[in-house]
ModelCIF file with pLDDT and N, C-alpha, C, O atoms, coordinates in Angstrom:
data_MODEL
#
_entry.id   MODEL 
#
_entity.id                         1 
_entity.type                       polymer 
_entity.pdbx_number_of_molecules   1 
#
_entity_poly.entity_id                      1 
_entity_poly.type                           'polypeptide(L)' 
_entity_poly.nstd_linkage                   no 
_entity_poly.nstd_monomer                   no 
_entity_poly.pdbx_seq_one_letter_code       ADETPEGRSIVELGRQAGLSLEVPAGATAIAFSATTRQSGLDVDGRS 
_entity_poly.pdbx_seq_one_letter_code_can   ADETPEGRSIVELGRQAGLSLEVPAGATAIAFSATTRQSGLDVDGRS 
_entity_poly.pdbx_strand_id                 A 
#
loop_
_entity_poly_seq.entity_id 
_entity_poly_seq.num 
_entity_poly_seq.mon_id 
_entity_poly_seq.hetero 
1 1  ALA n 
1 2  ASP n 
1 3  GLU n 
1 4  THR n 
1 5  PRO n 
1 6  GLU n 
1 7  GLY n 
1 8  ARG n 
1 9  SER n 
1 10 ILE n 
1 11 VAL n 
1 12 GLU n 
1 13 LEU n 
1 14 GLY n 
1 15 ARG n 
1 16 GLN n 
1 17 ALA n 
1 18 GLY n 
1 19 LEU n 
1 20 SER n 
1 21 LEU n 
1 22 GLU n 
1 23 VAL n 
1 24 PRO n 
1 25 ALA n 
1 26 GLY n 
1 27 ALA n 
1 28 THR n 
1 29 ALA n 
1 30 ILE n 
1 31 ALA n 
1 32 PHE n 
1 33 SER n 
1 34 ALA n 
1 35 THR n 
1 36 THR n 
1 37 ARG n 
1 38 GLN n 
1 39 SER n 
1 40 GLY n 
1 41 LEU n 
1 42 ASP n 
1 43 VAL n 
1 44 ASP n 
1 45 GLY n 
1 46 ARG n 
1 47 SER n 
#
_struct_asym.id          A 
_struct_asym.entity_id   1 
#
loop_
_ma_qa_metric.id 
_ma_qa_metric.mode 
_ma_qa_metric.name 
_ma_qa_metric.software_group_id 
_ma_qa_metric.type 
1 global pLDDT . pLDDT 
2 local  pLDDT . pLDDT 
#
_ma_qa_metric_global.metric_id      1 
_ma_qa_metric_global.metric_value   85.21 
_ma_qa_metric_global.model_id       1 
_ma_qa_metric_global.ordinal_id     1 
#
loop_
_ma_qa_metric_local.label_asym_id 
_ma_qa_metric_local.label_comp_id 
_ma_qa_metric_local.label_seq_id 
_ma_qa_metric_local.metric_id 
_ma_qa_metric_local.metric_value 
_ma_qa_metric_local.model_id 
_ma_qa_metric_local.ordinal_id 
A ALA 1  2 85.00 1 1  
A ASP 2  2 85.00 1 2  
A GLU 3  2 80.00 1 3  
A THR 4  2 78.00 1 4  
A PRO 5  2 78.00 1 5  
A GLU 6  2 83.00 1 6  
A GLY 7  2 86.00 1 7  
A ARG 8  2 87.00 1 8  
A SER 9  2 88.00 1 9  
A ILE 10 2 91.00 1 10 
A VAL 11 2 90.00 1 11 
A GLU 12 2 89.00 1 12 
A LEU 13 2 91.00 1 13 
A GLY 14 2 91.00 1 14 
A ARG 15 2 89.00 1 15 
A GLN 16 2 90.00 1 16 
A ALA 17 2 89.00 1 17 
A GLY 18 2 87.00 1 18 
A LEU 19 2 85.00 1 19 
A SER 20 2 75.00 1 20 
A LEU 21 2 76.00 1 21 
A GLU 22 2 80.00 1 22 
A VAL 23 2 81.00 1 23 
A PRO 24 2 84.00 1 24 
A ALA 25 2 83.00 1 25 
A GLY 26 2 84.00 1 26 
A ALA 27 2 88.00 1 27 
A THR 28 2 90.00 1 28 
A ALA 29 2 89.00 1 29 
A ILE 30 2 88.00 1 30 
A ALA 31 2 84.00 1 31 
A PHE 32 2 79.00 1 32 
A SER 33 2 73.00 1 33 
A ALA 34 2 65.00 1 34 
A THR 35 2 72.00 1 35 
A THR 36 2 81.00 1 36 
A ARG 37 2 82.00 1 37 
A GLN 38 2 90.00 1 38 
A SER 39 2 90.00 1 39 
A GLY 40 2 92.00 1 40 
A LEU 41 2 92.00 1 41 
A ASP 42 2 93.00 1 42 
A VAL 43 2 91.00 1 43 
A ASP 44 2 88.00 1 44 
A GLY 45 2 88.00 1 45 
A ARG 46 2 92.00 1 46 
A SER 47 2 93.00 1 47 
#
loop_
_atom_site.group_PDB 
_atom_site.id 
_atom_site.type_symbol 
_atom_site.label_atom_id 
_atom_site.label_alt_id 
_atom_site.label_comp_id 
_atom_site.label_asym_id 
_atom_site.label_entity_id 
_atom_site.label_seq_id 
_atom_site.pdbx_PDB_ins_code 
_atom_site.Cartn_x 
_atom_site.Cartn_y 
_atom_site.Cartn_z 
_atom_site.occupancy 
_atom_site.B_iso_or_equiv 
_atom_site.pdbx_formal_charge 
_atom_site.auth_seq_id 
_atom_site.auth_comp_id 
_atom_site.auth_asym_id 
_atom_site.auth_atom_id 
_atom_site.pdbx_PDB_model_num 
ATOM 1   N N  . ALA A 1 1  ? 141.909 131.062 62.194 1.00 85.00 ? 1  ALA A N  1 
ATOM 2   C CA . ALA A 1 1  ? 141.943 132.256 62.494 1.00 85.00 ? 1  ALA A CA 1 
ATOM 3   C C  . ALA A 1 1  ? 143.468 132.876 62.727 1.00 85.00 ? 1  ALA A C  1 
ATOM 4   O O  . ALA A 1 1  ? 143.783 133.987 63.154 1.00 85.00 ? 1  ALA A O  1 
ATOM 5   N N  . ASP A 1 2  ? 144.470 131.545 62.209 1.00 85.00 ? 2  ASP A N  1 
ATOM 6   C CA . ASP A 1 2  ? 145.672 131.955 62.582 1.00 85.00 ? 2  ASP A CA 1 
ATOM 7   C C  . ASP A 1 2  ? 146.178 132.157 61.495 1.00 85.00 ? 2  ASP A C  1 
ATOM 8   O O  . ASP A 1 2  ? 145.698 131.674 60.469 1.00 85.00 ? 2  ASP A O  1 
ATOM 9   N N  . GLU A 1 3  ? 146.906 132.670 61.501 1.00 80.00 ? 3  GLU A N  1 
ATOM 10  C CA . GLU A 1 3  ? 147.563 132.802 59.854 1.00 80.00 ? 3  GLU A CA 1 
ATOM 11  C C  . GLU A 1 3  ? 149.361 132.518 60.002 1.00 80.00 ? 3  GLU A C  1 
ATOM 12  O O  . GLU A 1 3  ? 150.008 132.884 59.021 1.00 80.00 ? 3  GLU A O  1 
ATOM 13  N N  . THR A 1 4  ? 150.081 131.949 61.069 1.00 78.00 ? 4  THR A N  1 
ATOM 14  C CA . THR A 1 4  ? 151.391 131.782 61.056 1.00 78.00 ? 4  THR A CA 1 
ATOM 15  C C  . THR A 1 4  ? 151.055 130.065 60.638 1.00 78.00 ? 4  THR A C  1 
ATOM 16  O O  . THR A 1 4  ? 150.080 129.315 60.599 1.00 78.00 ? 4  THR A O  1 
ATOM 17  N N  . PRO A 1 5  ? 152.899 129.999 60.298 1.00 78.00 ? 5  PRO A N  1 
ATOM 18  C CA . PRO A 1 5  ? 152.610 128.840 59.323 1.00 78.00 ? 5  PRO A CA 1 
ATOM 19  C C  . PRO A 1 5  ? 152.441 127.410 59.959 1.00 78.00 ? 5  PRO A C  1 
ATOM 20  O O  . PRO A 1 5  ? 152.396 126.379 59.288 1.00 78.00 ? 5  PRO A O  1 
ATOM 21  N N  . GLU A 1 6  ? 152.358 127.463 61.252 1.00 83.00 ? 6  GLU A N  1 
ATOM 22  C CA . GLU A 1 6  ? 151.851 126.275 62.092 1.00 83.00 ? 6  GLU A CA 1 
ATOM 23  C C  . GLU A 1 6  ? 150.494 126.321 62.055 1.00 83.00 ? 6  GLU A C  1 
ATOM 24  O O  . GLU A 1 6  ? 150.019 125.193 61.918 1.00 83.00 ? 6  GLU A O  1 
ATOM 25  N N  . GLY A 1 7  ? 149.548 127.338 62.137 1.00 86.00 ? 7  GLY A N  1 
ATOM 26  C CA . GLY A 1 7  ? 148.343 127.580 61.841 1.00 86.00 ? 7  GLY A CA 1 
ATOM 27  C C  . GLY A 1 7  ? 147.786 126.813 60.912 1.00 86.00 ? 7  GLY A C  1 
ATOM 28  O O  . GLY A 1 7  ? 146.987 125.909 61.152 1.00 86.00 ? 7  GLY A O  1 
ATOM 29  N N  . ARG A 1 8  ? 148.334 127.265 59.405 1.00 87.00 ? 8  ARG A N  1 
ATOM 30  C CA . ARG A 1 8  ? 147.824 126.784 58.075 1.00 87.00 ? 8  ARG A CA 1 
ATOM 31  C C  . ARG A 1 8  ? 148.067 125.857 58.013 1.00 87.00 ? 8  ARG A C  1 
ATOM 32  O O  . ARG A 1 8  ? 147.313 125.207 57.289 1.00 87.00 ? 8  ARG A O  1 
ATOM 33  N N  . SER A 1 9  ? 149.058 125.191 58.568 1.00 88.00 ? 9  SER A N  1 
ATOM 34  C CA . SER A 1 9  ? 149.177 123.773 58.295 1.00 88.00 ? 9  SER A CA 1 
ATOM 35  C C  . SER A 1 9  ? 148.382 122.633 58.761 1.00 88.00 ? 9  SER A C  1 
ATOM 36  O O  . SER A 1 9  ? 148.204 121.665 58.022 1.00 88.00 ? 9  SER A O  1 
ATOM 37  N N  . ILE A 1 10 ? 147.792 122.705 60.187 1.00 91.00 ? 10 ILE A N  1 
ATOM 38  C CA . ILE A 1 10 ? 146.740 122.769 61.151 1.00 91.00 ? 10 ILE A CA 1 
ATOM 39  C C  . ILE A 1 10 ? 145.517 122.460 59.761 1.00 91.00 ? 10 ILE A C  1 
ATOM 40  O O  . ILE A 1 10 ? 145.185 121.376 59.280 1.00 91.00 ? 10 ILE A O  1 
ATOM 41  N N  . VAL A 1 11 ? 145.067 123.822 59.404 1.00 90.00 ? 11 VAL A N  1 
ATOM 42  C CA . VAL A 1 11 ? 144.265 124.122 58.454 1.00 90.00 ? 11 VAL A CA 1 
ATOM 43  C C  . VAL A 1 11 ? 144.468 122.750 57.115 1.00 90.00 ? 11 VAL A C  1 
ATOM 44  O O  . VAL A 1 11 ? 143.665 121.841 56.907 1.00 90.00 ? 11 VAL A O  1 
ATOM 45  N N  . GLU A 1 12 ? 145.231 122.895 56.691 1.00 89.00 ? 12 GLU A N  1 
ATOM 46  C CA . GLU A 1 12 ? 145.832 122.058 55.472 1.00 89.00 ? 12 GLU A CA 1 
ATOM 47  C C  . GLU A 1 12 ? 145.593 120.419 55.897 1.00 89.00 ? 12 GLU A C  1 
ATOM 48  O O  . GLU A 1 12 ? 145.206 119.541 55.126 1.00 89.00 ? 12 GLU A O  1 
ATOM 49  N N  . LEU A 1 13 ? 145.895 120.275 57.185 1.00 91.00 ? 13 LEU A N  1 
ATOM 50  C CA . LEU A 1 13 ? 145.463 119.278 57.749 1.00 91.00 ? 13 LEU A CA 1 
ATOM 51  C C  . LEU A 1 13 ? 144.365 118.543 57.926 1.00 91.00 ? 13 LEU A C  1 
ATOM 52  O O  . LEU A 1 13 ? 144.217 117.340 58.140 1.00 91.00 ? 13 LEU A O  1 
ATOM 53  N N  . GLY A 1 14 ? 143.505 119.558 57.790 1.00 91.00 ? 14 GLY A N  1 
ATOM 54  C CA . GLY A 1 14 ? 141.732 119.355 58.043 1.00 91.00 ? 14 GLY A CA 1 
ATOM 55  C C  . GLY A 1 14 ? 141.240 119.642 56.518 1.00 91.00 ? 14 GLY A C  1 
ATOM 56  O O  . GLY A 1 14 ? 140.073 119.363 56.243 1.00 91.00 ? 14 GLY A O  1 
ATOM 57  N N  . ARG A 1 15 ? 142.007 120.136 55.618 1.00 89.00 ? 15 ARG A N  1 
ATOM 58  C CA . ARG A 1 15 ? 141.592 120.318 54.072 1.00 89.00 ? 15 ARG A CA 1 
ATOM 59  C C  . ARG A 1 15 ? 141.730 118.594 53.520 1.00 89.00 ? 15 ARG A C  1 
ATOM 60  O O  . ARG A 1 15 ? 141.004 117.931 52.779 1.00 89.00 ? 15 ARG A O  1 
ATOM 61  N N  . GLN A 1 16 ? 142.799 118.310 54.138 1.00 90.00 ? 16 GLN A N  1 
ATOM 62  C CA . GLN A 1 16 ? 143.428 116.855 53.356 1.00 90.00 ? 16 GLN A CA 1 
ATOM 63  C C  . GLN A 1 16 ? 141.920 116.166 53.521 1.00 90.00 ? 16 GLN A C  1 
ATOM 64  O O  . GLN A 1 16 ? 141.161 115.801 52.623 1.00 90.00 ? 16 GLN A O  1 
ATOM 65  N N  . ALA A 1 17 ? 141.670 116.089 55.476 1.00 89.00 ? 17 ALA A N  1 
ATOM 66  C CA . ALA A 1 17 ? 140.253 115.100 55.496 1.00 89.00 ? 17 ALA A CA 1 
ATOM 67  C C  . ALA A 1 17 ? 138.900 115.322 55.112 1.00 89.00 ? 17 ALA A C  1 
ATOM 68  O O  . ALA A 1 17 ? 137.881 114.711 55.432 1.00 89.00 ? 17 ALA A O  1 
ATOM 69  N N  . GLY A 1 18 ? 139.082 116.363 54.322 1.00 87.00 ? 18 GLY A N  1 
ATOM 70  C CA . GLY A 1 18 ? 137.937 116.894 53.686 1.00 87.00 ? 18 GLY A CA 1 
ATOM 71  C C  . GLY A 1 18 ? 136.775 117.777 54.500 1.00 87.00 ? 18 GLY A C  1 
ATOM 72  O O  . GLY A 1 18 ? 135.553 117.796 54.356 1.00 87.00 ? 18 GLY A O  1 
ATOM 73  N N  . LEU A 1 19 ? 137.686 118.528 55.446 1.00 85.00 ? 19 LEU A N  1 
ATOM 74  C CA . LEU A 1 19 ? 136.506 119.504 56.483 1.00 85.00 ? 19 LEU A CA 1 
ATOM 75  C C  . LEU A 1 19 ? 136.458 120.443 55.926 1.00 85.00 ? 19 LEU A C  1 
ATOM 76  O O  . LEU A 1 19 ? 137.172 120.986 55.083 1.00 85.00 ? 19 LEU A O  1 
ATOM 77  N N  . SER A 1 20 ? 135.193 120.766 56.613 1.00 75.00 ? 20 SER A N  1 
ATOM 78  C CA . SER A 1 20 ? 135.174 122.770 55.721 1.00 75.00 ? 20 SER A CA 1 
ATOM 79  C C  . SER A 1 20 ? 136.024 123.375 56.399 1.00 75.00 ? 20 SER A C  1 
ATOM 80  O O  . SER A 1 20 ? 136.501 122.991 57.467 1.00 75.00 ? 20 SER A O  1 
ATOM 81  N N  . LEU A 1 21 ? 136.335 124.647 55.653 1.00 76.00 ? 21 LEU A N  1 
ATOM 82  C CA . LEU A 1 21 ? 137.089 125.313 56.275 1.00 76.00 ? 21 LEU A CA 1 
ATOM 83  C C  . LEU A 1 21 ? 136.543 126.739 56.300 1.00 76.00 ? 21 LEU A C  1 
ATOM 84  O O  . LEU A 1 21 ? 137.424 127.581 56.477 1.00 76.00 ? 21 LEU A O  1 
ATOM 85  N N  . GLU A 1 22 ? 135.518 127.133 56.189 1.00 80.00 ? 22 GLU A N  1 
ATOM 86  C CA . GLU A 1 22 ? 135.202 128.289 56.499 1.00 80.00 ? 22 GLU A CA 1 
ATOM 87  C C  . GLU A 1 22 ? 135.299 129.157 57.249 1.00 80.00 ? 22 GLU A C  1 
ATOM 88  O O  . GLU A 1 22 ? 135.098 128.518 58.281 1.00 80.00 ? 22 GLU A O  1 
ATOM 89  N N  . VAL A 1 23 ? 135.491 130.381 57.639 1.00 81.00 ? 23 VAL A N  1 
ATOM 90  C CA . VAL A 1 23 ? 135.300 130.749 59.126 1.00 81.00 ? 23 VAL A CA 1 
ATOM 91  C C  . VAL A 1 23 ? 133.640 130.870 59.047 1.00 81.00 ? 23 VAL A C  1 
ATOM 92  O O  . VAL A 1 23 ? 132.899 131.217 58.127 1.00 81.00 ? 23 VAL A O  1 
ATOM 93  N N  . PRO A 1 24 ? 133.374 130.428 60.426 1.00 84.00 ? 24 PRO A N  1 
ATOM 94  C CA . PRO A 1 24 ? 131.882 130.989 60.448 1.00 84.00 ? 24 PRO A CA 1 
ATOM 95  C C  . PRO A 1 24 ? 131.523 132.545 60.551 1.00 84.00 ? 24 PRO A C  1 
ATOM 96  O O  . PRO A 1 24 ? 132.415 133.331 60.869 1.00 84.00 ? 24 PRO A O  1 
ATOM 97  N N  . ALA A 1 25 ? 130.567 132.880 60.357 1.00 83.00 ? 25 ALA A N  1 
ATOM 98  C CA . ALA A 1 25 ? 130.219 134.294 60.352 1.00 83.00 ? 25 ALA A CA 1 
ATOM 99  C C  . ALA A 1 25 ? 129.898 135.053 61.950 1.00 83.00 ? 25 ALA A C  1 
ATOM 100 O O  . ALA A 1 25 ? 128.770 134.791 62.368 1.00 83.00 ? 25 ALA A O  1 
ATOM 101 N N  . GLY A 1 26 ? 130.503 135.688 62.603 1.00 84.00 ? 26 GLY A N  1 
ATOM 102 C CA . GLY A 1 26 ? 130.795 136.423 63.522 1.00 84.00 ? 26 GLY A CA 1 
ATOM 103 C C  . GLY A 1 26 ? 131.176 135.572 64.390 1.00 84.00 ? 26 GLY A C  1 
ATOM 104 O O  . GLY A 1 26 ? 130.554 135.141 65.361 1.00 84.00 ? 26 GLY A O  1 
ATOM 105 N N  . ALA A 1 27 ? 132.554 135.250 63.912 1.00 88.00 ? 27 ALA A N  1 
ATOM 106 C CA . ALA A 1 27 ? 133.428 134.737 64.871 1.00 88.00 ? 27 ALA A CA 1 
ATOM 107 C C  . ALA A 1 27 ? 134.561 135.602 64.946 1.00 88.00 ? 27 ALA A C  1 
ATOM 108 O O  . ALA A 1 27 ? 135.120 136.304 64.103 1.00 88.00 ? 27 ALA A O  1 
ATOM 109 N N  . THR A 1 28 ? 134.792 135.355 66.313 1.00 90.00 ? 28 THR A N  1 
ATOM 110 C CA . THR A 1 28 ? 135.768 136.177 66.700 1.00 90.00 ? 28 THR A CA 1 
ATOM 111 C C  . THR A 1 28 ? 136.867 135.753 67.220 1.00 90.00 ? 28 THR A C  1 
ATOM 112 O O  . THR A 1 28 ? 136.862 135.042 68.224 1.00 90.00 ? 28 THR A O  1 
ATOM 113 N N  . ALA A 1 29 ? 138.180 136.203 66.489 1.00 89.00 ? 29 ALA A N  1 
ATOM 114 C CA . ALA A 1 29 ? 139.813 135.338 66.598 1.00 89.00 ? 29 ALA A CA 1 
ATOM 115 C C  . ALA A 1 29 ? 140.307 135.971 67.961 1.00 89.00 ? 29 ALA A C  1 
ATOM 116 O O  . ALA A 1 29 ? 140.121 137.116 68.371 1.00 89.00 ? 29 ALA A O  1 
ATOM 117 N N  . ILE A 1 30 ? 141.021 134.871 68.583 1.00 88.00 ? 30 ILE A N  1 
ATOM 118 C CA . ILE A 1 30 ? 141.553 135.113 69.291 1.00 88.00 ? 30 ILE A CA 1 
ATOM 119 C C  . ILE A 1 30 ? 143.181 134.544 69.349 1.00 88.00 ? 30 ILE A C  1 
ATOM 120 O O  . ILE A 1 30 ? 143.702 133.430 69.389 1.00 88.00 ? 30 ILE A O  1 
ATOM 121 N N  . ALA A 1 31 ? 143.697 136.033 69.331 1.00 84.00 ? 31 ALA A N  1 
ATOM 122 C CA . ALA A 1 31 ? 145.265 135.909 69.011 1.00 84.00 ? 31 ALA A CA 1 
ATOM 123 C C  . ALA A 1 31 ? 146.382 135.501 70.061 1.00 84.00 ? 31 ALA A C  1 
ATOM 124 O O  . ALA A 1 31 ? 146.208 135.661 71.269 1.00 84.00 ? 31 ALA A O  1 
ATOM 125 N N  . PHE A 1 32 ? 147.513 134.975 69.533 1.00 79.00 ? 32 PHE A N  1 
ATOM 126 C CA . PHE A 1 32 ? 148.515 134.090 70.540 1.00 79.00 ? 32 PHE A CA 1 
ATOM 127 C C  . PHE A 1 32 ? 148.740 135.116 70.885 1.00 79.00 ? 32 PHE A C  1 
ATOM 128 O O  . PHE A 1 32 ? 148.713 135.987 70.016 1.00 79.00 ? 32 PHE A O  1 
ATOM 129 N N  . SER A 1 33 ? 149.037 135.485 72.169 1.00 73.00 ? 33 SER A N  1 
ATOM 130 C CA . SER A 1 33 ? 149.543 136.360 73.138 1.00 73.00 ? 33 SER A CA 1 
ATOM 131 C C  . SER A 1 33 ? 150.411 135.201 74.020 1.00 73.00 ? 33 SER A C  1 
ATOM 132 O O  . SER A 1 33 ? 150.024 134.049 74.216 1.00 73.00 ? 33 SER A O  1 
ATOM 133 N N  . ALA A 1 34 ? 151.467 135.692 74.421 1.00 65.00 ? 34 ALA A N  1 
ATOM 134 C CA . ALA A 1 34 ? 152.934 135.935 74.905 1.00 65.00 ? 34 ALA A CA 1 
ATOM 135 C C  . ALA A 1 34 ? 152.123 135.637 76.627 1.00 65.00 ? 34 ALA A C  1 
ATOM 136 O O  . ALA A 1 34 ? 152.620 134.634 77.140 1.00 65.00 ? 34 ALA A O  1 
ATOM 137 N N  . THR A 1 35 ? 151.022 136.314 77.534 1.00 72.00 ? 35 THR A N  1 
ATOM 138 C CA . THR A 1 35 ? 150.826 135.590 78.638 1.00 72.00 ? 35 THR A CA 1 
ATOM 139 C C  . THR A 1 35 ? 149.772 134.285 78.826 1.00 72.00 ? 35 THR A C  1 
ATOM 140 O O  . THR A 1 35 ? 149.829 133.583 79.836 1.00 72.00 ? 35 THR A O  1 
ATOM 141 N N  . THR A 1 36 ? 148.384 133.930 77.272 1.00 81.00 ? 36 THR A N  1 
ATOM 142 C CA . THR A 1 36 ? 147.820 133.283 77.564 1.00 81.00 ? 36 THR A CA 1 
ATOM 143 C C  . THR A 1 36 ? 148.811 131.972 76.583 1.00 81.00 ? 36 THR A C  1 
ATOM 144 O O  . THR A 1 36 ? 148.469 130.815 76.829 1.00 81.00 ? 36 THR A O  1 
ATOM 145 N N  . ARG A 1 37 ? 149.509 132.082 75.950 1.00 82.00 ? 37 ARG A N  1 
ATOM 146 C CA . ARG A 1 37 ? 150.538 131.204 75.189 1.00 82.00 ? 37 ARG A CA 1 
ATOM 147 C C  . ARG A 1 37 ? 149.235 130.648 74.508 1.00 82.00 ? 37 ARG A C  1 
ATOM 148 O O  . ARG A 1 37 ? 149.440 129.456 74.737 1.00 82.00 ? 37 ARG A O  1 
ATOM 149 N N  . GLN A 1 38 ? 147.961 130.673 73.788 1.00 90.00 ? 38 GLN A N  1 
ATOM 150 C CA . GLN A 1 38 ? 147.111 129.695 73.173 1.00 90.00 ? 38 GLN A CA 1 
ATOM 151 C C  . GLN A 1 38 ? 146.497 131.025 72.176 1.00 90.00 ? 38 GLN A C  1 
ATOM 152 O O  . GLN A 1 38 ? 146.747 132.214 72.368 1.00 90.00 ? 38 GLN A O  1 
ATOM 153 N N  . SER A 1 39 ? 145.780 130.550 71.265 1.00 90.00 ? 39 SER A N  1 
ATOM 154 C CA . SER A 1 39 ? 144.898 130.935 70.161 1.00 90.00 ? 39 SER A CA 1 
ATOM 155 C C  . SER A 1 39 ? 143.849 130.158 69.832 1.00 90.00 ? 39 SER A C  1 
ATOM 156 O O  . SER A 1 39 ? 143.844 128.935 69.968 1.00 90.00 ? 39 SER A O  1 
ATOM 157 N N  . GLY A 1 40 ? 142.820 130.902 69.341 1.00 92.00 ? 40 GLY A N  1 
ATOM 158 C CA . GLY A 1 40 ? 141.551 130.361 69.069 1.00 92.00 ? 40 GLY A CA 1 
ATOM 159 C C  . GLY A 1 40 ? 140.690 130.715 68.547 1.00 92.00 ? 40 GLY A C  1 
ATOM 160 O O  . GLY A 1 40 ? 141.118 131.571 67.773 1.00 92.00 ? 40 GLY A O  1 
ATOM 161 N N  . LEU A 1 41 ? 139.102 130.580 68.375 1.00 92.00 ? 41 LEU A N  1 
ATOM 162 C CA . LEU A 1 41 ? 138.385 131.277 67.726 1.00 92.00 ? 41 LEU A CA 1 
ATOM 163 C C  . LEU A 1 41 ? 136.969 130.752 68.906 1.00 92.00 ? 41 LEU A C  1 
ATOM 164 O O  . LEU A 1 41 ? 136.826 129.650 69.435 1.00 92.00 ? 41 LEU A O  1 
ATOM 165 N N  . ASP A 1 42 ? 136.075 131.998 69.034 1.00 93.00 ? 42 ASP A N  1 
ATOM 166 C CA . ASP A 1 42 ? 134.905 131.831 69.771 1.00 93.00 ? 42 ASP A CA 1 
ATOM 167 C C  . ASP A 1 42 ? 133.635 132.286 68.825 1.00 93.00 ? 42 ASP A C  1 
ATOM 168 O O  . ASP A 1 42 ? 133.444 133.316 68.177 1.00 93.00 ? 42 ASP A O  1 
ATOM 169 N N  . VAL A 1 43 ? 132.811 131.046 69.020 1.00 91.00 ? 43 VAL A N  1 
ATOM 170 C CA . VAL A 1 43 ? 131.496 131.246 67.844 1.00 91.00 ? 43 VAL A CA 1 
ATOM 171 C C  . VAL A 1 43 ? 130.280 131.220 68.461 1.00 91.00 ? 43 VAL A C  1 
ATOM 172 O O  . VAL A 1 43 ? 130.020 130.214 69.120 1.00 91.00 ? 43 VAL A O  1 
ATOM 173 N N  . ASP A 1 44 ? 129.285 132.307 68.382 1.00 88.00 ? 44 ASP A N  1 
ATOM 174 C CA . ASP A 1 44 ? 128.153 131.776 69.140 1.00 88.00 ? 44 ASP A CA 1 
ATOM 175 C C  . ASP A 1 44 ? 128.113 131.233 70.798 1.00 88.00 ? 44 ASP A C  1 
ATOM 176 O O  . ASP A 1 44 ? 127.090 130.689 71.215 1.00 88.00 ? 44 ASP A O  1 
ATOM 177 N N  . GLY A 1 45 ? 128.884 131.360 71.373 1.00 88.00 ? 45 GLY A N  1 
ATOM 178 C CA . GLY A 1 45 ? 128.980 130.844 73.163 1.00 88.00 ? 45 GLY A CA 1 
ATOM 179 C C  . GLY A 1 45 ? 129.963 130.027 72.747 1.00 88.00 ? 45 GLY A C  1 
ATOM 180 O O  . GLY A 1 45 ? 130.870 129.900 73.570 1.00 88.00 ? 45 GLY A O  1 
ATOM 181 N N  . ARG A 1 46 ? 130.079 129.456 71.784 1.00 92.00 ? 46 ARG A N  1 
ATOM 182 C CA . ARG A 1 46 ? 131.210 128.270 71.658 1.00 92.00 ? 46 ARG A CA 1 
ATOM 183 C C  . ARG A 1 46 ? 132.855 128.479 71.360 1.00 92.00 ? 46 ARG A C  1 
ATOM 184 O O  . ARG A 1 46 ? 132.983 129.211 70.379 1.00 92.00 ? 46 ARG A O  1 
ATOM 185 N N  . SER A 1 47 ? 134.073 128.081 71.881 1.00 93.00 ? 47 SER A N  1 
ATOM 186 C CA . SER A 1 47 ? 134.994 128.515 72.365 1.00 93.00 ? 47 SER A CA 1 
ATOM 187 C C  . SER A 1 47 ? 136.008 127.069 71.754 1.00 93.00 ? 47 SER A C  1 
ATOM 188 O O  . SER A 1 47 ? 137.210 127.005 72.012 1.00 93.00 ? 47 SER A O  1 
#
């Protein structure tokens, strides 16, 4: 869910390795913030 160039480059690295790149249904995107300095994804209790 990271639309920054860095995030897309990581997804591209996974694409080159043959990984599935679909965002799971019901996923919650965690946006980057200056406070947490993190971003990510939550799906069905997993993070």
